[in-house]
PDB file of N, CA and C in Angstrom:
ATOM      1  N   MET A   1       0.888  -1.316   0.145  1.00  0.00           N
ATOM      2  CA  MET A   1      -0.005  -0.115   0.025  1.00  0.00           C
ATOM      3  C   MET A   1       0.854   0.960  -0.440  1.00  0.00           C
ATOM      4  N   GLN A   2       0.755   2.203  -0.852  1.00  0.00           N
ATOM      5  CA  GLN A   2       1.112   3.300  -1.105  1.00  0.00           C
ATOM      6  C   GLN A   2       0.454   4.166  -0.852  1.00  0.00           C
ATOM      7  N   TYR A   3       0.932   5.225   0.115  1.00  0.00           N
ATOM      8  CA  TYR A   3       0.246   6.315   0.374  1.00  0.00           C
ATOM      9  C   TYR A   3       0.542   7.803   0.105  1.00  0.00           C
ATOM     10  N   SER A   4      -0.526   8.734  -0.314  1.00  0.00           N
ATOM     11  CA  SER A   4       0.051   9.773  -1.233  1.00  0.00           C
ATOM     12  C   SER A   4       0.421  10.886   0.123  1.00  0.00           C
ATOM     13  N   PRO A   5       0.794  12.197  -0.213  1.00  0.00           N
ATOM     14  CA  PRO A   5       0.971  12.560   0.912  1.00  0.00           C
ATOM     15  C   PRO A   5      -0.054  13.842   1.431  1.00  0.00           C
ATOM     16  N   THR A   6       0.123  14.192   2.597  1.00  0.00           N
ATOM     17  CA  THR A   6      -0.805  14.253   3.448  1.00  0.00           C
ATOM     18  C   THR A   6      -1.217  16.084   2.730  1.00  0.00           C
ATOM     19  N   GLN A   7      -2.448  16.590   2.386  1.00  0.00           N
ATOM     20  CA  GLN A   7      -2.824  17.727   2.054  1.00  0.00           C
ATOM     21  C   GLN A   7      -3.613  18.400   2.860  1.00  0.00           C
ATOM     22  N   THR A   8      -2.990  19.401   3.328  1.00  0.00           N
ATOM     23  CA  THR A   8      -3.697  20.739   4.148  1.00  0.00           C
ATOM     24  C   THR A   8      -4.447  21.047   3.340  1.00  0.00           C
ATOM     25  N   LEU A   9      -5.723  21.114   3.724  1.00  0.00           N
ATOM     26  CA  LEU A   9      -6.476  22.154   3.128  1.00  0.00           C
ATOM     27  C   LEU A   9      -6.368  23.652   3.987  1.00  0.00           C
ATOM     28  N   PRO A  10      -6.856  24.718   3.530  1.00  0.00           N
ATOM     29  CA  PRO A  10      -7.000  25.854   3.898  1.00  0.00           C
ATOM     30  C   PRO A  10      -7.560  25.741   5.445  1.00  0.00           C
ATOM     31  N   SER A  11      -6.947  26.763   5.937  1.00  0.00           N
ATOM     32  CA  SER A  11      -7.938  26.891   7.517  1.00  0.00           C
ATOM     33  C   SER A  11      -9.376  27.581   7.309  1.00  0.00           C
ATOM     34  N   GLN A  12     -10.504  27.116   7.540  1.00  0.00           N
ATOM     35  CA  GLN A  12     -12.059  28.145   7.832  1.00  0.00           C
ATOM     36  C   GLN A  12     -11.746  28.873   9.139  1.00  0.00           C
ATOM     37  N   THR A  13     -12.630  29.397   8.830  1.00  0.00           N
ATOM     38  CA  THR A  13     -12.712  30.648  10.381  1.00  0.00           C
ATOM     39  C   THR A  13     -14.189  30.241  10.727  1.00  0.00           C
ATOM     40  N   ALA A  14     -14.614  29.488  11.883  1.00  0.00           N
ATOM     41  CA  ALA A  14     -15.926  29.092  12.199  1.00  0.00           C
ATOM     42  C   ALA A  14     -16.408  30.788  13.528  1.00  0.00           C
ATOM     43  N   PRO A  15     -17.744  30.743  13.254  1.00  0.00           N
ATOM     44  CA  PRO A  15     -18.436  31.878  14.000  1.00  0.00           C
ATOM     45  C   PRO A  15     -17.946  32.154  15.276  1.00  0.00           C
ATOM     46  N   ALA A  16     -17.941  33.215  15.900  1.00  0.00           N
ATOM     47  CA  ALA A  16     -16.995  33.314  17.063  1.00  0.00           C
ATOM     48  C   ALA A  16     -18.008  32.487  18.246  1.00  0.00           C
ATOM     49  N   GLN A  17     -17.508  32.123  19.227  1.00  0.00           N
ATOM     50  CA  GLN A  17     -18.656  32.023  20.561  1.00  0.00           C
ATOM     51  C   GLN A  17     -17.987  32.887  21.527  1.00  0.00           C
ATOM     52  N   VAL A  18     -19.014  33.729  22.080  1.00  0.00           N
ATOM     53  CA  VAL A  18     -18.957  34.497  23.314  1.00  0.00           C
ATOM     54  C   VAL A  18     -19.313  34.284  24.271  1.00  0.00           C
ATOM     55  N   ASN A  19     -18.540  34.399  24.951  1.00  0.00           N
ATOM     56  CA  ASN A  19     -19.099  34.076  26.457  1.00  0.00           C
ATOM     57  C   ASN A  19     -19.434  35.223  27.146  1.00  0.00           C
ATOM     58  N   PRO A  20     -20.222  35.091  27.999  1.00  0.00           N
ATOM     59  CA  PRO A  20     -20.828  36.350  29.152  1.00  0.00           C
ATOM     60  C   PRO A  20     -19.880  37.052  29.502  1.00  0.00           C
ATOM     61  N   THR A  21     -19.935  38.142  29.785  1.00  0.00           N
ATOM     62  CA  THR A  21     -18.907  39.189  30.112  1.00  0.00           C
ATOM     63  C   THR A  21     -18.557  38.909  31.366  1.00  0.00           C
ATOM     64  N   LYS A  22     -17.381  39.257  32.026  1.00  0.00           N
ATOM     65  CA  LYS A  22     -17.109  38.908  33.325  1.00  0.00           C
ATOM     66  C   LYS A  22     -16.998  40.596  33.817  1.00  0.00           C
ATOM     67  N   GLN A  23     -18.166  40.943  34.542  1.00  0.00           N
ATOM     68  CA  GLN A  23     -17.875  41.860  35.371  1.00  0.00           C
ATOM     69  C   GLN A  23     -16.831  42.251  36.771  1.00  0.00           C
ATOM     70  N   TYR A  24     -16.163  42.822  37.037  1.00  0.00           N
ATOM     71  CA  TYR A  24     -15.120  43.239  37.427  1.00  0.00           C
ATOM     72  C   TYR A  24     -15.685  45.232  37.674  1.00  0.00           C
ATOM     73  N   VAL A  25     -15.416  45.229  39.738  1.00  0.00           N
ATOM     74  CA  VAL A  25     -15.765  46.560  39.982  1.00  0.00           C
ATOM     75  C   VAL A  25     -14.687  46.984  40.741  1.00  0.00           C
ATOM     76  N   ASN A  26     -14.601  48.366  40.260  1.00  0.00           N
ATOM     77  CA  ASN A  26     -13.445  49.116  41.374  1.00  0.00           C
ATOM     78  C   ASN A  26     -14.503  49.997  41.875  1.00  0.00           C
ATOM     79  N   THR A  27     -13.958  50.173  43.481  1.00  0.00           N
ATOM     80  CA  THR A  27     -14.335  50.601  44.331  1.00  0.00           C
ATOM     81  C   THR A  27     -13.583  52.042  44.985  1.00  0.00           C
ATOM     82  N   ASN A  28     -13.834  52.820  44.599  1.00  0.00           N
ATOM     83  CA  ASN A  28     -13.002  53.999  44.911  1.00  0.00           C
ATOM     84  C   ASN A  28     -13.853  54.887  46.555  1.00  0.00           C
ATOM     85  N   VAL A  29     -13.245  54.733  47.425  1.00  0.00           N
ATOM     86  CA  VAL A  29     -13.869  55.209  49.046  1.00  0.00           C
ATOM     87  C   VAL A  29     -13.553  56.417  49.207  1.00  0.00           C
ATOM     88  N   SER A  30     -14.420  57.661  49.566  1.00  0.00           N
ATOM     89  CA  SER A  30     -13.924  58.584  49.946  1.00  0.00           C
ATOM     90  C   SER A  30     -14.318  58.822  51.007  1.00  0.00           C
ATOM     91  N   ASN A  31     -13.806  59.165  51.995  1.00  0.00           N
ATOM     92  CA  ASN A  31     -14.397  59.369  53.995  1.00  0.00           C
ATOM     93  C   ASN A  31     -13.834  61.114  53.632  1.00  0.00           C
ATOM     94  N   THR A  32     -15.325  61.577  54.431  1.00  0.00           N
ATOM     95  CA  THR A  32     -15.162  62.288  55.478  1.00  0.00           C
ATOM     96  C   THR A  32     -15.493  62.629  56.821  1.00  0.00           C
ATOM     97  N   VAL A  33     -14.921  63.205  57.270  1.00  0.00           N
ATOM     98  CA  VAL A  33     -15.076  63.098  58.685  1.00  0.00           C
ATOM     99  C   VAL A  33     -16.148  64.907  58.881  1.00  0.00           C
ATOM    100  N   ILE A  34     -17.001  64.905  59.446  1.00  0.00           N
ATOM    101  CA  ILE A  34     -18.213  65.590  59.806  1.00  0.00           C
ATOM    102  C   ILE A  34     -18.165  65.680  61.494  1.00  0.00           C
ATOM    103  N   PRO A  35     -17.386  66.910  62.359  1.00  0.00           N
ATOM    104  CA  PRO A  35     -17.357  67.287  63.058  1.00  0.00           C
ATOM    105  C   PRO A  35     -18.920  67.377  64.178  1.00  0.00           C
ATOM    106  N   VAL A  36     -19.265  66.274  65.248  1.00  0.00           N
ATOM    107  CA  VAL A  36     -20.412  66.791  66.003  1.00  0.00           C
ATOM    108  C   VAL A  36     -20.083  67.196  66.935  1.00  0.00           C
ATOM    109  N   VAL A  37     -20.762  68.313  67.293  1.00  0.00           N
ATOM    110  CA  VAL A  37     -20.276  69.111  68.735  1.00  0.00           C
ATOM    111  C   VAL A  37     -21.479  68.514  69.827  1.00  0.00           C
ATOM    112  N   HIS A  38     -21.244  68.474  70.679  1.00  0.00           N
ATOM    113  CA  HIS A  38     -22.359  68.223  71.443  1.00  0.00           C
ATOM    114  C   HIS A  38     -22.351  68.659  72.725  1.00  0.00           C
ATOM    115  N   PRO A  39     -22.171  70.078  73.273  1.00  0.00           N
ATOM    116  CA  PRO A  39     -21.461  70.837  74.598  1.00  0.00           C
ATOM    117  C   PRO A  39     -22.728  70.921  75.925  1.00  0.00           C
ATOM    118  N   SER A  40     -22.491  70.789  76.978  1.00  0.00           N
ATOM    119  CA  SER A  40     -22.203  70.847  78.250  1.00  0.00           C
ATOM    120  C   SER A  40     -21.876  71.600  79.456  1.00  0.00           C
ATOM    121  N   HIS A  41     -22.470  72.113  80.103  1.00  0.00           N
ATOM    122  CA  HIS A  41     -22.128  72.945  81.337  1.00  0.00           C
ATOM    123  C   HIS A  41     -22.511  72.960  82.397  1.00  0.00           C
ATOM    124  N   THR A  42     -21.856  73.100  83.236  1.00  0.00           N
ATOM    125  CA  THR A  42     -22.148  72.462  84.665  1.00  0.00           C
ATOM    126  C   THR A  42     -22.042  74.104  85.185  1.00  0.00           C
ATOM    127  N   THR A  43     -22.859  74.320  86.452  1.00  0.00           N
ATOM    128  CA  THR A  43     -22.622  75.075  87.242  1.00  0.00           C
ATOM    129  C   THR A  43     -22.584  74.658  88.342  1.00  0.00           C
ATOM    130  N   THR A  44     -21.926  75.449  88.939  1.00  0.00           N
ATOM    131  CA  THR A  44     -21.760  75.365  90.368  1.00  0.00           C
ATOM    132  C   THR A  44     -22.023  76.134  91.035  1.00  0.00           C
ATOM    133  N   VAL A  45     -23.449  75.812  92.500  1.00  0.00           N
ATOM    134  CA  VAL A  45     -23.784  76.770  93.165  1.00  0.00           C
ATOM    135  C   VAL A  45     -23.345  76.761  94.228  1.00  0.00           C
ATOM    136  N   ASN A  46     -23.011  77.811  95.440  1.00  0.00           N
ATOM    137  CA  ASN A  46     -22.460  77.566  96.427  1.00  0.00           C
ATOM    138  C   ASN A  46     -23.131  78.376  97.302  1.00  0.00           C
ATOM    139  N   LYS A  47     -23.841  77.134  98.147  1.00  0.00           N
ATOM    140  CA  LYS A  47     -24.896  77.899  99.252  1.00  0.00           C
ATOM    141  C   LYS A  47     -24.435  77.915 100.269  1.00  0.00           C
ATOM    142  N   HIS A  48     -24.568  79.538 101.013  1.00  0.00           N
ATOM    143  CA  HIS A  48     -24.655  79.755 102.312  1.00  0.00           C
ATOM    144  C   HIS A  48     -25.553  80.014 103.118  1.00  0.00           C
ATOM    145  N   VAL A  49     -25.511  78.972 104.084  1.00  0.00           N
ATOM    146  CA  VAL A  49     -26.738  79.398 104.963  1.00  0.00           C
ATOM    147  C   VAL A  49     -26.852  79.284 106.222  1.00  0.00           C
ATOM    148  N   ASN A  50     -27.360  80.968 107.158  1.00  0.00           N
ATOM    149  CA  ASN A  50     -27.377  81.459 108.189  1.00  0.00           C
ATOM    150  C   ASN A  50     -28.859  80.994 108.905  1.00  0.00           C
ATOM    151  N   THR A  51     -28.129  80.530 109.988  1.00  0.00           N
ATOM    152  CA  THR A  51     -29.236  79.812 111.233  1.00  0.00           C
ATOM    153  C   THR A  51     -29.030  80.381 112.166  1.00  0.00           C
ATOM    154  N   TYR A  52     -30.636  81.235 112.728  1.00  0.00           N
ATOM    155  CA  TYR A  52     -30.273  81.891 113.817  1.00  0.00           C
ATOM    156  C   TYR A  52     -31.334  80.943 114.483  1.00  0.00           C
ATOM    157  N   LYS A  53     -30.599  80.788 115.441  1.00  0.00           N
ATOM    158  CA  LYS A  53     -31.148  79.867 116.463  1.00  0.00           C
ATOM    159  C   LYS A  53     -31.766  81.072 118.170  1.00  0.00           C
ATOM    160  N   HIS A  54     -32.893  80.895 118.414  1.00  0.00           N
ATOM    161  CA  HIS A  54     -33.226  81.856 119.058  1.00  0.00           C
ATOM    162  C   HIS A  54     -33.760  81.348 120.536  1.00  0.00           C
ATOM    163  N   TYR A  55     -33.072  81.746 121.431  1.00  0.00           N
ATOM    164  CA  TYR A  55     -33.593  81.582 123.014  1.00  0.00           C
ATOM    165  C   TYR A  55     -34.155  82.788 123.845  1.00  0.00           C
ATOM    166  N   PHE A  56     -35.003  82.068 124.859  1.00  0.00           N
ATOM    167  CA  PHE A  56     -35.885  83.060 125.697  1.00  0.00           C
ATOM    168  C   PHE A  56     -35.900  81.988 127.340  1.00  0.00           C
ATOM    169  N   PRO A  57     -34.644  83.043 127.429  1.00  0.00           N
ATOM    170  CA  PRO A  57     -34.157  82.607 129.280  1.00  0.00           C
ATOM    171  C   PRO A  57     -35.543  82.827 129.954  1.00  0.00           C
ATOM    172  N   HIS A  58     -35.774  82.866 131.283  1.00  0.00           N
ATOM    173  CA  HIS A  58     -36.764  82.823 131.606  1.00  0.00           C
ATOM    174  C   HIS A  58     -36.323  82.761 133.451  1.00  0.00           C
ATOM    175  N   THR A  59     -36.477  83.756 134.066  1.00  0.00           N
ATOM    176  CA  THR A  59     -35.589  82.852 135.431  1.00  0.00           C
ATOM    177  C   THR A  59     -37.052  83.546 136.464  1.00  0.00           C
ATOM    178  N   GLN A  60     -37.422  82.969 137.672  1.00  0.00           N
ATOM    179  CA  GLN A  60     -38.206  82.739 138.355  1.00  0.00           C
ATOM    180  C   GLN A  60     -37.602  83.248 139.450  1.00  0.00           C
ATOM    181  N   SER A  61     -38.506  83.667 140.645  1.00  0.00           N
ATOM    182  CA  SER A  61     -38.053  83.733 142.130  1.00  0.00           C
ATOM    183  C   SER A  61     -39.537  83.779 142.450  1.00  0.00           C
ATOM    184  N   VAL A  62     -38.956  83.673 143.779  1.00  0.00           N
ATOM    185  CA  VAL A  62     -40.061  83.240 145.102  1.00  0.00           C
ATOM    186  C   VAL A  62     -39.412  84.913 146.257  1.00  0.00           C
ATOM    187  N   VAL A  63     -40.863  84.919 146.492  1.00  0.00           N
ATOM    188  CA  VAL A  63     -41.024  86.130 147.209  1.00  0.00           C
ATOM    189  C   VAL A  63     -41.912  85.042 148.808  1.00  0.00           C
ATOM    190  N   ASN A  64     -41.088  85.369 149.511  1.00  0.00           N
ATOM    191  CA  ASN A  64     -41.515  84.719 150.836  1.00  0.00           C
ATOM    192  C   ASN A  64     -42.109  85.928 152.064  1.00  0.00           C
ATOM    193  N   GLU A  65     -43.687  86.080 152.248  1.00  0.00           N
ATOM    194  CA  GLU A  65     -43.758  87.292 152.900  1.00  0.00           C
ATOM    195  C   GLU A  65     -44.519  86.623 154.408  1.00  0.00           C
ATOM    196  N   CYS A  66     -43.941  87.715 155.336  1.00  0.00           N
ATOM    197  CA  CYS A  66     -44.137  87.125 156.598  1.00  0.00           C
ATOM    198  C   CYS A  66     -45.243  88.122 157.281  1.00  0.00           C
ATOM    199  N   TYR A  67     -46.208  88.337 157.733  1.00  0.00           N
ATOM    200  CA  TYR A  67     -46.771  89.525 158.476  1.00  0.00           C
ATOM    201  C   TYR A  67     -46.763  89.015 159.804  1.00  0.00           C
ATOM    202  N   THR A  68     -47.268  89.920 160.677  1.00  0.00           N
ATOM    203  CA  THR A  68     -47.465  90.299 162.142  1.00  0.00           C
ATOM    204  C   THR A  68     -48.685  91.025 163.128  1.00  0.00           C
ATOM    205  N   GLN A  69     -49.385  90.320 163.145  1.00  0.00           N
ATOM    206  CA  GLN A  69     -50.515  90.821 163.669  1.00  0.00           C
ATOM    207  C   GLN A  69     -50.721  90.151 165.283  1.00  0.00           C
ATOM    208  N   ASN A  70     -50.350  91.965 165.918  1.00  0.00           N
ATOM    209  CA  ASN A  70     -51.101  91.813 167.526  1.00  0.00           C
ATOM    210  C   ASN A  70     -52.297  92.313 167.745  1.00  0.00           C
ATOM    211  N   LEU A  71     -52.905  91.369 168.557  1.00  0.00           N
ATOM    212  CA  LEU A  71     -54.015  91.536 168.487  1.00  0.00           C
ATOM    213  C   LEU A  71     -54.276  90.998 169.793  1.00  0.00           C
ATOM    214  N   ILE A  72     -55.335  92.989 170.161  1.00  0.00           N
ATOM    215  CA  ILE A  72     -55.618  92.779 171.914  1.00  0.00           C
ATOM    216  C   ILE A  72     -56.981  92.178 172.203  1.00  0.00           C
ATOM    217  N   CYS A  73     -57.166  90.980 173.061  1.00  0.00           N
ATOM    218  CA  CYS A  73     -58.202  90.567 173.071  1.00  0.00           C
ATOM    219  C   CYS A  73     -59.118  91.014 174.266  1.00  0.00           C
ATOM    220  N   GLY A  74     -59.716  91.363 174.646  1.00  0.00           N
ATOM    221  CA  GLY A  74     -59.955  92.241 175.590  1.00  0.00           C
ATOM    222  C   GLY A  74     -58.551  92.659 176.718  1.00  0.00           C
ATOM    223  N   LYS A  75     -59.475  93.220 177.592  1.00  0.00           N
ATOM    224  CA  LYS A  75     -58.455  94.010 178.403  1.00  0.00           C
ATOM    225  C   LYS A  75     -57.773  93.310 179.179  1.00  0.00           C
ATOM    226  N   PRO A  76     -56.507  94.049 179.535  1.00  0.00           N
ATOM    227  CA  PRO A  76     -55.125  93.236 180.604  1.00  0.00           C
ATOM    228  C   PRO A  76     -55.889  92.702 181.756  1.00  0.00           C
ATOM    229  N   HIS A  77     -55.146  91.601 182.204  1.00  0.00           N
ATOM    230  CA  HIS A  77     -55.572  91.284 183.676  1.00  0.00           C
ATOM    231  C   HIS A  77     -55.031  92.144 184.397  1.00  0.00           C
ATOM    232  N   ASN A  78     -54.196  92.784 184.469  1.00  0.00           N
ATOM    233  CA  ASN A  78     -53.381  93.237 185.606  1.00  0.00           C
ATOM    234  C   ASN A  78     -53.776  95.198 185.295  1.00  0.00           C
ATOM    235  N   PRO A  79     -54.958  95.305 185.960  1.00  0.00           N
ATOM    236  CA  PRO A  79     -55.306  96.907 185.871  1.00  0.00           C
ATOM    237  C   PRO A  79     -54.498  97.976 185.809  1.00  0.00           C
ATOM    238  N   CYS A  80     -53.800  97.773 186.924  1.00  0.00           N
ATOM    239  CA  CYS A  80     -52.722  98.482 186.658  1.00  0.00           C
ATOM    240  C   CYS A  80     -51.859  99.190 185.918  1.00  0.00           C
ATOM    241  N   CYS A  81     -51.837  98.915 184.747  1.00  0.00           N
ATOM    242  CA  CYS A  81     -50.877  99.217 183.332  1.00  0.00           C
ATOM    243  C   CYS A  81     -52.556  99.139 182.345  1.00  0.00           C
ATOM    244  N   PRO A  82     -52.009 100.176 181.938  1.00  0.00           N
ATOM    245  CA  PRO A  82     -53.302 100.429 180.592  1.00  0.00           C
ATOM    246  C   PRO A  82     -52.893 100.331 179.385  1.00  0.00           C
ATOM    247  N   PRO A  83     -54.273  99.541 178.858  1.00  0.00           N
ATOM    248  CA  PRO A  83     -53.807  99.359 177.034  1.00  0.00           C
ATOM    249  C   PRO A  83     -52.664  99.865 176.631  1.00  0.00           C
ATOM    250  N   ARG A  84     -51.695  99.706 176.058  1.00  0.00           N
ATOM    251  CA  ARG A  84     -50.746 100.350 174.533  1.00  0.00           C
ATOM    252  C   ARG A  84     -51.600  99.933 173.221  1.00  0.00           C
ATOM    253  N   HIS A  85     -51.550 101.009 172.456  1.00  0.00           N
ATOM    254  CA  HIS A  85     -51.672 100.286 171.017  1.00  0.00           C
ATOM    255  C   HIS A  85     -50.622 100.469 170.469  1.00  0.00           C
ATOM    256  N   PHE A  86     -50.605  99.584 169.363  1.00  0.00           N
ATOM    257  CA  PHE A  86     -49.614  98.958 168.411  1.00  0.00           C
ATOM    258  C   PHE A  86     -49.895  99.817 167.301  1.00  0.00           C
ATOM    259  N   GLY A  87     -48.999 100.024 166.848  1.00  0.00           N
ATOM    260  CA  GLY A  87     -48.845 100.396 165.381  1.00  0.00           C
ATOM    261  C   GLY A  87     -48.024 101.680 165.354  1.00  0.00           C
ATOM    262  N   TYR A  88     -48.193 102.232 164.236  1.00  0.00           N
ATOM    263  CA  TYR A  88     -47.207 103.697 164.074  1.00  0.00           C
ATOM    264  C   TYR A  88     -47.678 105.216 164.591  1.00  0.00           C
TER     265      TYR A  88
END
């Protein structure tokens, strides 16, 4: 058997096969600082209290009185001595 040289035919181009598009994402981040101020205030109140304490001292005293009465009851028994009057 004898073989003849292989013939190479011209290349043919088939229609292109298109795959779905691959998606790539580039993310750019921009940071913004926003100051938020929360003010507060503390007031210190110093109070001074004056306390007045009222006292009412009271004294007490006792007076003892003694009176003397001289009574002449009837006439004296001795008629030689006349009765005397007492007083001022």
